[in-house]
Amino acid sequence: MAASRKGENVPRPPKKTEFEVRFATTDARRGWLDLVATIRNAMADTWDFLTRTPLTTTPTNYQLRGELGTIVRGNVTHERWQHKPTLKGGARVWFYVEERTVWLEQVHTSHPNETK
């Protein structure tokens, strides 16, 4: 176990029934941090949703369609989903699920051009 530093954040451990959330790209990490800085409460709700029920279709969470509906990682094809942190805002989180891990592939701070 690596030595920790004083003041370092303590990550919330997932429950056994929850999914783990990970960044699939550096850009996704950057977008996530930008959204947390601007819509913190909505992103906390997004975190809760993605750890508990990422594959549930709702008005703010659904599989993308057409050529955007799948993504290939490591020669495996996955369904690509989109989550809207707020009902009226333009931010979008694109992700795919592999076993019990939600991979954040793209995090858009505004409505992505690909889905306009």
PDB file of N, CA and C in Angstrom:
ATOM      1  N   MET A   1       0.844  -1.178   0.000  1.00  0.00           N
ATOM      2  CA  MET A   1       0.000   0.000   0.000  1.00  0.00           C
ATOM      3  C   MET A   1       0.886   1.237   0.000  1.00  0.00           C
ATOM      4  N   ALA A   2       0.552   2.189  -0.874  1.00  0.00           N
ATOM      5  CA  ALA A   2       1.349   3.403  -0.989  1.00  0.00           C
ATOM      6  C   ALA A   2       1.119   4.294   0.221  1.00  0.00           C
ATOM      7  N   ALA A   3       2.156   5.036   0.562  1.00  0.00           N
ATOM      8  CA  ALA A   3       2.053   5.967   1.679  1.00  0.00           C
ATOM      9  C   ALA A   3       1.103   7.095   1.295  1.00  0.00           C
ATOM     10  N   SER A   4       0.272   7.499   2.229  1.00  0.00           N
ATOM     11  CA  SER A   4      -0.653   8.595   1.944  1.00  0.00           C
ATOM     12  C   SER A   4      -0.090   9.891   2.501  1.00  0.00           C
ATOM     13  N   ARG A   5      -0.634  10.961   1.996  1.00  0.00           N
ATOM     14  CA  ARG A   5      -0.200  12.286   2.429  1.00  0.00           C
ATOM     15  C   ARG A   5      -1.270  12.903   3.302  1.00  0.00           C
ATOM     16  N   LYS A   6      -0.846  13.717   4.230  1.00  0.00           N
ATOM     17  CA  LYS A   6      -1.786  14.438   5.076  1.00  0.00           C
ATOM     18  C   LYS A   6      -2.662  15.327   4.195  1.00  0.00           C
ATOM     19  N   GLY A   7      -3.947  15.275   4.398  1.00  0.00           N
ATOM     20  CA  GLY A   7      -4.876  16.088   3.639  1.00  0.00           C
ATOM     21  C   GLY A   7      -5.379  15.446   2.352  1.00  0.00           C
ATOM     22  N   GLU A   8      -4.865  14.277   2.022  1.00  0.00           N
ATOM     23  CA  GLU A   8      -5.287  13.587   0.800  1.00  0.00           C
ATOM     24  C   GLU A   8      -6.739  13.134   0.932  1.00  0.00           C
ATOM     25  N   ASN A   9      -7.510  13.244  -0.167  1.00  0.00           N
ATOM     26  CA  ASN A   9      -8.899  12.798  -0.149  1.00  0.00           C
ATOM     27  C   ASN A   9      -8.979  11.299   0.113  1.00  0.00           C
ATOM     28  N   VAL A  10      -9.996  10.911   0.835  1.00  0.00           N
ATOM     29  CA  VAL A  10     -10.256   9.494   1.077  1.00  0.00           C
ATOM     30  C   VAL A  10     -11.332   9.064   0.084  1.00  0.00           C
ATOM     31  N   PRO A  11     -11.019   8.146  -0.836  1.00  0.00           N
ATOM     32  CA  PRO A  11     -12.033   7.729  -1.808  1.00  0.00           C
ATOM     33  C   PRO A  11     -13.145   6.924  -1.136  1.00  0.00           C
ATOM     34  N   ARG A  12     -14.366   7.152  -1.602  1.00  0.00           N
ATOM     35  CA  ARG A  12     -15.498   6.404  -1.063  1.00  0.00           C
ATOM     36  C   ARG A  12     -15.422   4.973  -1.587  1.00  0.00           C
ATOM     37  N   PRO A  13     -15.409   3.992  -0.696  1.00  0.00           N
ATOM     38  CA  PRO A  13     -15.380   2.602  -1.170  1.00  0.00           C
ATOM     39  C   PRO A  13     -16.753   2.212  -1.711  1.00  0.00           C
ATOM     40  N   PRO A  14     -16.777   1.544  -2.863  1.00  0.00           N
ATOM     41  CA  PRO A  14     -18.069   1.115  -3.393  1.00  0.00           C
ATOM     42  C   PRO A  14     -18.629  -0.063  -2.600  1.00  0.00           C
ATOM     43  N   LYS A  15     -19.943  -0.101  -2.479  1.00  0.00           N
ATOM     44  CA  LYS A  15     -20.588  -1.268  -1.886  1.00  0.00           C
ATOM     45  C   LYS A  15     -20.434  -2.427  -2.855  1.00  0.00           C
ATOM     46  N   LYS A  16     -20.588  -3.639  -2.375  1.00  0.00           N
ATOM     47  CA  LYS A  16     -20.424  -4.816  -3.233  1.00  0.00           C
ATOM     48  C   LYS A  16     -21.425  -4.842  -4.377  1.00  0.00           C
ATOM     49  N   THR A  17     -22.578  -4.201  -4.195  1.00  0.00           N
ATOM     50  CA  THR A  17     -23.597  -4.185  -5.243  1.00  0.00           C
ATOM     51  C   THR A  17     -23.398  -3.036  -6.220  1.00  0.00           C
ATOM     52  N   GLU A  18     -22.471  -2.143  -5.945  1.00  0.00           N
ATOM     53  CA  GLU A  18     -22.264  -0.977  -6.786  1.00  0.00           C
ATOM     54  C   GLU A  18     -21.213  -1.220  -7.859  1.00  0.00           C
ATOM     55  N   PHE A  19     -21.279  -0.372  -8.872  1.00  0.00           N
ATOM     56  CA  PHE A  19     -20.281  -0.378  -9.928  1.00  0.00           C
ATOM     57  C   PHE A  19     -19.138   0.546  -9.522  1.00  0.00           C
ATOM     58  N   GLU A  20     -17.964   0.264 -10.028  1.00  0.00           N
ATOM     59  CA  GLU A  20     -16.813   1.134  -9.839  1.00  0.00           C
ATOM     60  C   GLU A  20     -16.759   2.075 -11.035  1.00  0.00           C
ATOM     61  N   VAL A  21     -16.400   3.323 -10.828  1.00  0.00           N
ATOM     62  CA  VAL A  21     -16.311   4.289 -11.913  1.00  0.00           C
ATOM     63  C   VAL A  21     -14.845   4.622 -12.146  1.00  0.00           C
ATOM     64  N   ARG A  22     -14.412   4.520 -13.423  1.00  0.00           N
ATOM     65  CA  ARG A  22     -13.013   4.794 -13.789  1.00  0.00           C
ATOM     66  C   ARG A  22     -12.970   5.650 -15.046  1.00  0.00           C
ATOM     67  N   PHE A  23     -11.893   6.393 -15.197  1.00  0.00           N
ATOM     68  CA  PHE A  23     -11.675   7.175 -16.406  1.00  0.00           C
ATOM     69  C   PHE A  23     -11.056   6.286 -17.474  1.00  0.00           C
ATOM     70  N   ALA A  24     -11.622   6.327 -18.670  1.00  0.00           N
ATOM     71  CA  ALA A  24     -11.058   5.588 -19.798  1.00  0.00           C
ATOM     72  C   ALA A  24     -10.050   6.443 -20.559  1.00  0.00           C
ATOM     73  N   THR A  25     -10.143   7.773 -20.396  1.00  0.00           N
ATOM     74  CA  THR A  25      -9.253   8.679 -21.106  1.00  0.00           C
ATOM     75  C   THR A  25      -8.870   9.857 -20.210  1.00  0.00           C
ATOM     76  N   THR A  26      -7.773  10.498 -20.564  1.00  0.00           N
ATOM     77  CA  THR A  26      -7.344  11.703 -19.853  1.00  0.00           C
ATOM     78  C   THR A  26      -8.335  12.833 -20.083  1.00  0.00           C
ATOM     79  N   ASP A  27      -8.873  12.932 -21.314  1.00  0.00           N
ATOM     80  CA  ASP A  27      -9.863  13.971 -21.606  1.00  0.00           C
ATOM     81  C   ASP A  27     -11.126  13.800 -20.769  1.00  0.00           C
ATOM     82  N   ALA A  28     -11.530  12.563 -20.521  1.00  0.00           N
ATOM     83  CA  ALA A  28     -12.705  12.319 -19.681  1.00  0.00           C
ATOM     84  C   ALA A  28     -12.446  12.818 -18.261  1.00  0.00           C
ATOM     85  N   ARG A  29     -11.259  12.592 -17.769  1.00  0.00           N
ATOM     86  CA  ARG A  29     -10.894  13.066 -16.427  1.00  0.00           C
ATOM     87  C   ARG A  29     -10.960  14.585 -16.363  1.00  0.00           C
ATOM     88  N   ARG A  30     -10.401  15.234 -17.374  1.00  0.00           N
ATOM     89  CA  ARG A  30     -10.395  16.695 -17.429  1.00  0.00           C
ATOM     90  C   ARG A  30     -11.830  17.230 -17.479  1.00  0.00           C
ATOM     91  N   GLY A  31     -12.671  16.643 -18.339  1.00  0.00           N
ATOM     92  CA  GLY A  31     -14.057  17.080 -18.439  1.00  0.00           C
ATOM     93  C   GLY A  31     -14.823  16.871 -17.151  1.00  0.00           C
ATOM     94  N   TRP A  32     -14.588  15.726 -16.496  1.00  0.00           N
ATOM     95  CA  TRP A  32     -15.252  15.431 -15.227  1.00  0.00           C
ATOM     96  C   TRP A  32     -14.902  16.484 -14.179  1.00  0.00           C
ATOM     97  N   LEU A  33     -13.613  16.788 -14.056  1.00  0.00           N
ATOM     98  CA  LEU A  33     -13.178  17.785 -13.069  1.00  0.00           C
ATOM     99  C   LEU A  33     -13.754  19.163 -13.383  1.00  0.00           C
ATOM    100  N   ASP A  34     -13.843  19.515 -14.666  1.00  0.00           N
ATOM    101  CA  ASP A  34     -14.451  20.791 -15.054  1.00  0.00           C
ATOM    102  C   ASP A  34     -15.920  20.843 -14.642  1.00  0.00           C
ATOM    103  N   LEU A  35     -16.642  19.746 -14.867  1.00  0.00           N
ATOM    104  CA  LEU A  35     -18.057  19.720 -14.492  1.00  0.00           C
ATOM    105  C   LEU A  35     -18.245  19.738 -12.977  1.00  0.00           C
ATOM    106  N   VAL A  36     -17.393  19.038 -12.260  1.00  0.00           N
ATOM    107  CA  VAL A  36     -17.478  19.052 -10.791  1.00  0.00           C
ATOM    108  C   VAL A  36     -17.268  20.482 -10.279  1.00  0.00           C
ATOM    109  N   ALA A  37     -16.387  21.223 -10.940  1.00  0.00           N
ATOM    110  CA  ALA A  37     -16.118  22.603 -10.521  1.00  0.00           C
ATOM    111  C   ALA A  37     -17.308  23.527 -10.789  1.00  0.00           C
ATOM    112  N   THR A  38     -18.149  23.182 -11.761  1.00  0.00           N
ATOM    113  CA  THR A  38     -19.242  24.085 -12.126  1.00  0.00           C
ATOM    114  C   THR A  38     -20.633  23.603 -11.705  1.00  0.00           C
ATOM    115  N   ILE A  39     -20.852  22.286 -11.681  1.00  0.00           N
ATOM    116  CA  ILE A  39     -22.167  21.754 -11.272  1.00  0.00           C
ATOM    117  C   ILE A  39     -21.962  20.592 -10.277  1.00  0.00           C
ATOM    118  N   ARG A  40     -21.352  20.911  -9.166  1.00  0.00           N
ATOM    119  CA  ARG A  40     -20.938  19.904  -8.181  1.00  0.00           C
ATOM    120  C   ARG A  40     -22.087  19.004  -7.727  1.00  0.00           C
ATOM    121  N   ASN A  41     -23.220  19.561  -7.358  1.00  0.00           N
ATOM    122  CA  ASN A  41     -24.316  18.731  -6.842  1.00  0.00           C
ATOM    123  C   ASN A  41     -24.832  17.764  -7.902  1.00  0.00           C
ATOM    124  N   ALA A  42     -24.978  18.254  -9.138  1.00  0.00           N
ATOM    125  CA  ALA A  42     -25.442  17.384 -10.220  1.00  0.00           C
ATOM    126  C   ALA A  42     -24.430  16.267 -10.490  1.00  0.00           C
ATOM    127  N   MET A  43     -23.141  16.561 -10.353  1.00  0.00           N
ATOM    128  CA  MET A  43     -22.129  15.541 -10.589  1.00  0.00           C
ATOM    129  C   MET A  43     -22.095  14.522  -9.451  1.00  0.00           C
ATOM    130  N   ALA A  44     -22.396  14.951  -8.240  1.00  0.00           N
ATOM    131  CA  ALA A  44     -22.509  13.993  -7.126  1.00  0.00           C
ATOM    132  C   ALA A  44     -23.687  13.045  -7.391  1.00  0.00           C
ATOM    133  N   ASP A  45     -24.789  13.600  -7.905  1.00  0.00           N
ATOM    134  CA  ASP A  45     -25.936  12.764  -8.271  1.00  0.00           C
ATOM    135  C   ASP A  45     -25.580  11.832  -9.425  1.00  0.00           C
ATOM    136  N   THR A  46     -24.801  12.334 -10.382  1.00  0.00           N
ATOM    137  CA  THR A  46     -24.343  11.506 -11.505  1.00  0.00           C
ATOM    138  C   THR A  46     -23.507  10.349 -10.992  1.00  0.00           C
ATOM    139  N   TRP A  47     -22.606  10.629 -10.072  1.00  0.00           N
ATOM    140  CA  TRP A  47     -21.761   9.587  -9.472  1.00  0.00           C
ATOM    141  C   TRP A  47     -22.633   8.514  -8.838  1.00  0.00           C
ATOM    142  N   ASP A  48     -23.612   8.940  -8.049  1.00  0.00           N
ATOM    143  CA  ASP A  48     -24.512   7.984  -7.392  1.00  0.00           C
ATOM    144  C   ASP A  48     -25.239   7.128  -8.418  1.00  0.00           C
ATOM    145  N   PHE A  49     -25.762   7.748  -9.461  1.00  0.00           N
ATOM    146  CA  PHE A  49     -26.487   7.016 -10.495  1.00  0.00           C
ATOM    147  C   PHE A  49     -25.578   6.004 -11.176  1.00  0.00           C
ATOM    148  N   LEU A  50     -24.377   6.433 -11.578  1.00  0.00           N
ATOM    149  CA  LEU A  50     -23.473   5.550 -12.309  1.00  0.00           C
ATOM    150  C   LEU A  50     -22.957   4.402 -11.450  1.00  0.00           C
ATOM    151  N   THR A  51     -22.839   4.601 -10.162  1.00  0.00           N
ATOM    152  CA  THR A  51     -22.373   3.509  -9.306  1.00  0.00           C
ATOM    153  C   THR A  51     -23.491   2.521  -8.977  1.00  0.00           C
ATOM    154  N   ARG A  52     -24.730   2.971  -9.080  1.00  0.00           N
ATOM    155  CA  ARG A  52     -25.848   2.104  -8.684  1.00  0.00           C
ATOM    156  C   ARG A  52     -26.595   1.492  -9.865  1.00  0.00           C
ATOM    157  N   THR A  53     -26.936   2.309 -10.863  1.00  0.00           N
ATOM    158  CA  THR A  53     -27.817   1.826 -11.946  1.00  0.00           C
ATOM    159  C   THR A  53     -27.411   2.378 -13.312  1.00  0.00           C
ATOM    160  N   PRO A  54     -26.168   2.178 -13.744  1.00  0.00           N
ATOM    161  CA  PRO A  54     -25.718   2.814 -14.991  1.00  0.00           C
ATOM    162  C   PRO A  54     -26.427   2.317 -16.249  1.00  0.00           C
ATOM    163  N   LEU A  55     -27.008   1.134 -16.215  1.00  0.00           N
ATOM    164  CA  LEU A  55     -27.644   0.572 -17.409  1.00  0.00           C
ATOM    165  C   LEU A  55     -29.162   0.705 -17.392  1.00  0.00           C
ATOM    166  N   THR A  56     -29.665   1.609 -16.573  1.00  0.00           N
ATOM    167  CA  THR A  56     -31.093   1.883 -16.513  1.00  0.00           C
ATOM    168  C   THR A  56     -31.418   3.010 -17.480  1.00  0.00           C
ATOM    169  N   THR A  57     -32.385   2.785 -18.354  1.00  0.00           N
ATOM    170  CA  THR A  57     -32.797   3.814 -19.300  1.00  0.00           C
ATOM    171  C   THR A  57     -33.760   4.775 -18.613  1.00  0.00           C
ATOM    172  N   THR A  58     -33.424   6.053 -18.669  1.00  0.00           N
ATOM    173  CA  THR A  58     -34.245   7.131 -18.109  1.00  0.00           C
ATOM    174  C   THR A  58     -34.196   8.298 -19.097  1.00  0.00           C
ATOM    175  N   PRO A  59     -34.957   9.367 -18.850  1.00  0.00           N
ATOM    176  CA  PRO A  59     -34.856  10.537 -19.737  1.00  0.00           C
ATOM    177  C   PRO A  59     -33.451  11.154 -19.765  1.00  0.00           C
ATOM    178  N   THR A  60     -32.656  10.922 -18.737  1.00  0.00           N
ATOM    179  CA  THR A  60     -31.306  11.499 -18.692  1.00  0.00           C
ATOM    180  C   THR A  60     -30.207  10.456 -18.844  1.00  0.00           C
ATOM    181  N   ASN A  61     -30.557   9.194 -19.064  1.00  0.00           N
ATOM    182  CA  ASN A  61     -29.556   8.136 -19.209  1.00  0.00           C
ATOM    183  C   ASN A  61     -30.053   7.121 -20.231  1.00  0.00           C
ATOM    184  N   TYR A  62     -29.318   6.986 -21.317  1.00  0.00           N
ATOM    185  CA  TYR A  62     -29.775   6.081 -22.366  1.00  0.00           C
ATOM    186  C   TYR A  62     -28.609   5.717 -23.282  1.00  0.00           C
ATOM    187  N   GLN A  63     -28.793   4.628 -24.025  1.00  0.00           N
ATOM    188  CA  GLN A  63     -27.771   4.200 -24.980  1.00  0.00           C
ATOM    189  C   GLN A  63     -27.812   5.118 -26.194  1.00  0.00           C
ATOM    190  N   LEU A  64     -26.637   5.488 -26.672  1.00  0.00           N
ATOM    191  CA  LEU A  64     -26.567   6.282 -27.892  1.00  0.00           C
ATOM    192  C   LEU A  64     -26.970   5.420 -29.078  1.00  0.00           C
ATOM    193  N   ARG A  65     -27.400   6.059 -30.167  1.00  0.00           N
ATOM    194  CA  ARG A  65     -27.888   5.331 -31.335  1.00  0.00           C
ATOM    195  C   ARG A  65     -26.901   5.394 -32.492  1.00  0.00           C
ATOM    196  N   GLY A  66     -27.166   4.547 -33.479  1.00  0.00           N
ATOM    197  CA  GLY A  66     -26.374   4.558 -34.700  1.00  0.00           C
ATOM    198  C   GLY A  66     -24.924   4.201 -34.461  1.00  0.00           C
ATOM    199  N   GLU A  67     -24.036   4.828 -35.228  1.00  0.00           N
ATOM    200  CA  GLU A  67     -22.621   4.504 -35.113  1.00  0.00           C
ATOM    201  C   GLU A  67     -22.031   4.945 -33.776  1.00  0.00           C
ATOM    202  N   LEU A  68     -22.686   5.874 -33.085  1.00  0.00           N
ATOM    203  CA  LEU A  68     -22.216   6.282 -31.755  1.00  0.00           C
ATOM    204  C   LEU A  68     -22.642   5.283 -30.676  1.00  0.00           C
ATOM    205  N   GLY A  69     -23.538   4.351 -31.010  1.00  0.00           N
ATOM    206  CA  GLY A  69     -24.115   3.430 -30.037  1.00  0.00           C
ATOM    207  C   GLY A  69     -23.192   2.340 -29.545  1.00  0.00           C
ATOM    208  N   THR A  70     -22.042   2.175 -30.185  1.00  0.00           N
ATOM    209  CA  THR A  70     -21.078   1.167 -29.725  1.00  0.00           C
ATOM    210  C   THR A  70     -19.677   1.753 -29.744  1.00  0.00           C
ATOM    211  N   ILE A  71     -18.809   1.158 -28.947  1.00  0.00           N
ATOM    212  CA  ILE A  71     -17.403   1.532 -28.898  1.00  0.00           C
ATOM    213  C   ILE A  71     -16.594   0.246 -28.782  1.00  0.00           C
ATOM    214  N   VAL A  72     -15.466   0.195 -29.462  1.00  0.00           N
ATOM    215  CA  VAL A  72     -14.595  -0.980 -29.410  1.00  0.00           C
ATOM    216  C   VAL A  72     -13.378  -0.647 -28.562  1.00  0.00           C
ATOM    217  N   ARG A  73     -13.141  -1.453 -27.555  1.00  0.00           N
ATOM    218  CA  ARG A  73     -11.969  -1.315 -26.685  1.00  0.00           C
ATOM    219  C   ARG A  73     -11.340  -2.690 -26.534  1.00  0.00           C
ATOM    220  N   GLY A  74     -10.076  -2.803 -26.920  1.00  0.00           N
ATOM    221  CA  GLY A  74      -9.380  -4.081 -26.793  1.00  0.00           C
ATOM    222  C   GLY A  74     -10.056  -5.195 -27.570  1.00  0.00           C
ATOM    223  N   ASN A  75     -10.511  -4.910 -28.774  1.00  0.00           N
ATOM    224  CA  ASN A  75     -11.199  -5.883 -29.642  1.00  0.00           C
ATOM    225  C   ASN A  75     -12.535  -6.362 -29.085  1.00  0.00           C
ATOM    226  N   VAL A  76     -13.078  -5.665 -28.110  1.00  0.00           N
ATOM    227  CA  VAL A  76     -14.386  -5.999 -27.553  1.00  0.00           C
ATOM    228  C   VAL A  76     -15.326  -4.824 -27.821  1.00  0.00           C
ATOM    229  N   THR A  77     -16.515  -5.117 -28.325  1.00  0.00           N
ATOM    230  CA  THR A  77     -17.503  -4.078 -28.596  1.00  0.00           C
ATOM    231  C   THR A  77     -18.405  -3.909 -27.381  1.00  0.00           C
ATOM    232  N   HIS A  78     -18.583  -2.660 -26.981  1.00  0.00           N
ATOM    233  CA  HIS A  78     -19.417  -2.323 -25.820  1.00  0.00           C
ATOM    234  C   HIS A  78     -20.516  -1.360 -26.259  1.00  0.00           C
ATOM    235  N   GLU A  79     -21.654  -1.395 -25.571  1.00  0.00           N
ATOM    236  CA  GLU A  79     -22.697  -0.403 -25.779  1.00  0.00           C
ATOM    237  C   GLU A  79     -22.215   0.915 -25.187  1.00  0.00           C
ATOM    238  N   ARG A  80     -22.387   1.996 -25.937  1.00  0.00           N
ATOM    239  CA  ARG A  80     -22.017   3.326 -25.426  1.00  0.00           C
ATOM    240  C   ARG A  80     -23.287   4.010 -24.932  1.00  0.00           C
ATOM    241  N   TRP A  81     -23.230   4.513 -23.726  1.00  0.00           N
ATOM    242  CA  TRP A  81     -24.346   5.187 -23.082  1.00  0.00           C
ATOM    243  C   TRP A  81     -24.044   6.663 -22.905  1.00  0.00           C
ATOM    244  N   GLN A  82     -25.113   7.441 -22.754  1.00  0.00           N
ATOM    245  CA  GLN A  82     -24.983   8.866 -22.474  1.00  0.00           C
ATOM    246  C   GLN A  82     -25.777   9.191 -21.224  1.00  0.00           C
ATOM    247  N   HIS A  83     -25.148   9.958 -20.346  1.00  0.00           N
ATOM    248  CA  HIS A  83     -25.829  10.441 -19.142  1.00  0.00           C
ATOM    249  C   HIS A  83     -25.794  11.959 -19.152  1.00  0.00           C
ATOM    250  N   LYS A  84     -26.949  12.569 -18.894  1.00  0.00           N
ATOM    251  CA  LYS A  84     -27.042  14.021 -18.775  1.00  0.00           C
ATOM    252  C   LYS A  84     -27.074  14.357 -17.286  1.00  0.00           C
ATOM    253  N   PRO A  85     -26.064  15.057 -16.792  1.00  0.00           N
ATOM    254  CA  PRO A  85     -26.066  15.403 -15.363  1.00  0.00           C
ATOM    255  C   PRO A  85     -27.252  16.272 -14.947  1.00  0.00           C
ATOM    256  N   THR A  86     -27.729  17.122 -15.868  1.00  0.00           N
ATOM    257  CA  THR A  86     -28.909  17.946 -15.591  1.00  0.00           C
ATOM    258  C   THR A  86     -29.885  17.786 -16.756  1.00  0.00           C
ATOM    259  N   LEU A  87     -31.147  17.931 -16.481  1.00  0.00           N
ATOM    260  CA  LEU A  87     -32.169  17.731 -17.506  1.00  0.00           C
ATOM    261  C   LEU A  87     -32.082  18.779 -18.619  1.00  0.00           C
ATOM    262  N   LYS A  88     -31.782  20.029 -18.257  1.00  0.00           N
ATOM    263  CA  LYS A  88     -31.787  21.109 -19.242  1.00  0.00           C
ATOM    264  C   LYS A  88     -30.396  21.527 -19.701  1.00  0.00           C
ATOM    265  N   GLY A  89     -29.348  21.147 -19.015  1.00  0.00           N
ATOM    266  CA  GLY A  89     -28.000  21.570 -19.384  1.00  0.00           C
ATOM    267  C   GLY A  89     -27.444  20.794 -20.562  1.00  0.00           C
ATOM    268  N   GLY A  90     -26.335  21.274 -21.105  1.00  0.00           N
ATOM    269  CA  GLY A  90     -25.728  20.648 -22.264  1.00  0.00           C
ATOM    270  C   GLY A  90     -24.664  19.614 -21.944  1.00  0.00           C
ATOM    271  N   ALA A  91     -24.252  19.502 -20.696  1.00  0.00           N
ATOM    272  CA  ALA A  91     -23.187  18.564 -20.327  1.00  0.00           C
ATOM    273  C   ALA A  91     -23.625  17.125 -20.591  1.00  0.00           C
ATOM    274  N   ARG A  92     -22.667  16.302 -21.014  1.00  0.00           N
ATOM    275  CA  ARG A  92     -22.933  14.899 -21.306  1.00  0.00           C
ATOM    276  C   ARG A  92     -21.772  14.042 -20.825  1.00  0.00           C
ATOM    277  N   VAL A  93     -22.089  12.869 -20.319  1.00  0.00           N
ATOM    278  CA  VAL A  93     -21.079  11.885 -19.931  1.00  0.00           C
ATOM    279  C   VAL A  93     -21.308  10.654 -20.793  1.00  0.00           C
ATOM    280  N   TRP A  94     -20.320  10.289 -21.604  1.00  0.00           N
ATOM    281  CA  TRP A  94     -20.392   9.084 -22.428  1.00  0.00           C
ATOM    282  C   TRP A  94     -19.601   8.000 -21.737  1.00  0.00           C
ATOM    283  N   PHE A  95     -20.206   6.830 -21.626  1.00  0.00           N
ATOM    284  CA  PHE A  95     -19.558   5.750 -20.886  1.00  0.00           C
ATOM    285  C   PHE A  95     -19.944   4.403 -21.463  1.00  0.00           C
ATOM    286  N   TYR A  96     -19.190   3.407 -21.060  1.00  0.00           N
ATOM    287  CA  TYR A  96     -19.547   2.018 -21.348  1.00  0.00           C
ATOM    288  C   TYR A  96     -19.280   1.209 -20.090  1.00  0.00           C
ATOM    289  N   VAL A  97     -19.925   0.062 -20.012  1.00  0.00           N
ATOM    290  CA  VAL A  97     -19.819  -0.779 -18.817  1.00  0.00           C
ATOM    291  C   VAL A  97     -19.153  -2.091 -19.196  1.00  0.00           C
ATOM    292  N   GLU A  98     -18.182  -2.462 -18.388  1.00  0.00           N
ATOM    293  CA  GLU A  98     -17.476  -3.727 -18.562  1.00  0.00           C
ATOM    294  C   GLU A  98     -17.485  -4.441 -17.205  1.00  0.00           C
ATOM    295  N   GLU A  99     -18.254  -5.507 -17.136  1.00  0.00           N
ATOM    296  CA  GLU A  99     -18.476  -6.238 -15.885  1.00  0.00           C
ATOM    297  C   GLU A  99     -19.035  -5.280 -14.837  1.00  0.00           C
ATOM    298  N   ARG A 100     -18.325  -4.992 -13.758  1.00  0.00           N
ATOM    299  CA  ARG A 100     -18.826  -4.095 -12.698  1.00  0.00           C
ATOM    300  C   ARG A 100     -18.097  -2.746 -12.713  1.00  0.00           C
ATOM    301  N   THR A 101     -17.559  -2.382 -13.882  1.00  0.00           N
ATOM    302  CA  THR A 101     -16.853  -1.105 -14.000  1.00  0.00           C
ATOM    303  C   THR A 101     -17.520  -0.227 -15.050  1.00  0.00           C
ATOM    304  N   VAL A 102     -17.789   1.007 -14.673  1.00  0.00           N
ATOM    305  CA  VAL A 102     -18.280   2.022 -15.587  1.00  0.00           C
ATOM    306  C   VAL A 102     -17.059   2.815 -16.045  1.00  0.00           C
ATOM    307  N   TRP A 103     -16.793   2.779 -17.350  1.00  0.00           N
ATOM    308  CA  TRP A 103     -15.652   3.490 -17.919  1.00  0.00           C
ATOM    309  C   TRP A 103     -16.139   4.805 -18.515  1.00  0.00           C
ATOM    310  N   LEU A 104     -15.683   5.933 -17.960  1.00  0.00           N
ATOM    311  CA  LEU A 104     -16.033   7.238 -18.502  1.00  0.00           C
ATOM    312  C   LEU A 104     -15.132   7.494 -19.700  1.00  0.00           C
ATOM    313  N   GLU A 105     -15.736   7.466 -20.867  1.00  0.00           N
ATOM    314  CA  GLU A 105     -14.973   7.582 -22.103  1.00  0.00           C
ATOM    315  C   GLU A 105     -14.834   9.035 -22.543  1.00  0.00           C
ATOM    316  N   GLN A 106     -15.930   9.776 -22.521  1.00  0.00           N
ATOM    317  CA  GLN A 106     -15.907  11.197 -22.871  1.00  0.00           C
ATOM    318  C   GLN A 106     -16.816  11.934 -21.893  1.00  0.00           C
ATOM    319  N   VAL A 107     -16.355  13.085 -21.444  1.00  0.00           N
ATOM    320  CA  VAL A 107     -17.170  13.939 -20.587  1.00  0.00           C
ATOM    321  C   VAL A 107     -17.183  15.314 -21.232  1.00  0.00           C
ATOM    322  N   HIS A 108     -18.353  15.715 -21.709  1.00  0.00           N
ATOM    323  CA  HIS A 108     -18.514  16.972 -22.440  1.00  0.00           C
ATOM    324  C   HIS A 108     -19.110  18.028 -21.520  1.00  0.00           C
ATOM    325  N   THR A 109     -18.486  19.194 -21.482  1.00  0.00           N
ATOM    326  CA  THR A 109     -19.012  20.291 -20.663  1.00  0.00           C
ATOM    327  C   THR A 109     -20.154  21.019 -21.367  1.00  0.00           C
ATOM    328  N   SER A 110     -20.307  20.779 -22.662  1.00  0.00           N
ATOM    329  CA  SER A 110     -21.434  21.314 -23.423  1.00  0.00           C
ATOM    330  C   SER A 110     -21.919  20.228 -24.380  1.00  0.00           C
ATOM    331  N   HIS A 111     -23.047  20.485 -25.017  1.00  0.00           N
ATOM    332  CA  HIS A 111     -23.650  19.477 -25.897  1.00  0.00           C
ATOM    333  C   HIS A 111     -22.661  19.088 -27.004  1.00  0.00           C
ATOM    334  N   PRO A 112     -22.303  17.790 -27.123  1.00  0.00           N
ATOM    335  CA  PRO A 112     -21.359  17.389 -28.157  1.00  0.00           C
ATOM    336  C   PRO A 112     -21.946  17.522 -29.564  1.00  0.00           C
ATOM    337  N   ASN A 113     -21.116  17.987 -30.506  1.00  0.00           N
ATOM    338  CA  ASN A 113     -21.571  18.185 -31.878  1.00  0.00           C
ATOM    339  C   ASN A 113     -22.065  16.894 -32.519  1.00  0.00           C
ATOM    340  N   GLU A 114     -21.509  15.749 -32.131  1.00  0.00           N
ATOM    341  CA  GLU A 114     -21.871  14.477 -32.746  1.00  0.00           C
ATOM    342  C   GLU A 114     -23.336  14.112 -32.551  1.00  0.00           C
ATOM    343  N   THR A 115     -23.985  14.650 -31.516  1.00  0.00           N
ATOM    344  CA  THR A 115     -25.379  14.283 -31.237  1.00  0.00           C
ATOM    345  C   THR A 115     -26.348  15.429 -31.499  1.00  0.00           C
ATOM    346  N   LYS A 116     -25.879  16.512 -32.094  1.00  0.00           N
ATOM    347  CA  LYS A 116     -26.788  17.653 -32.391  1.00  0.00           C
ATOM    348  C   LYS A 116     -27.624  17.337 -33.614  1.00  0.00           C
TER     349      LYS A 116
END
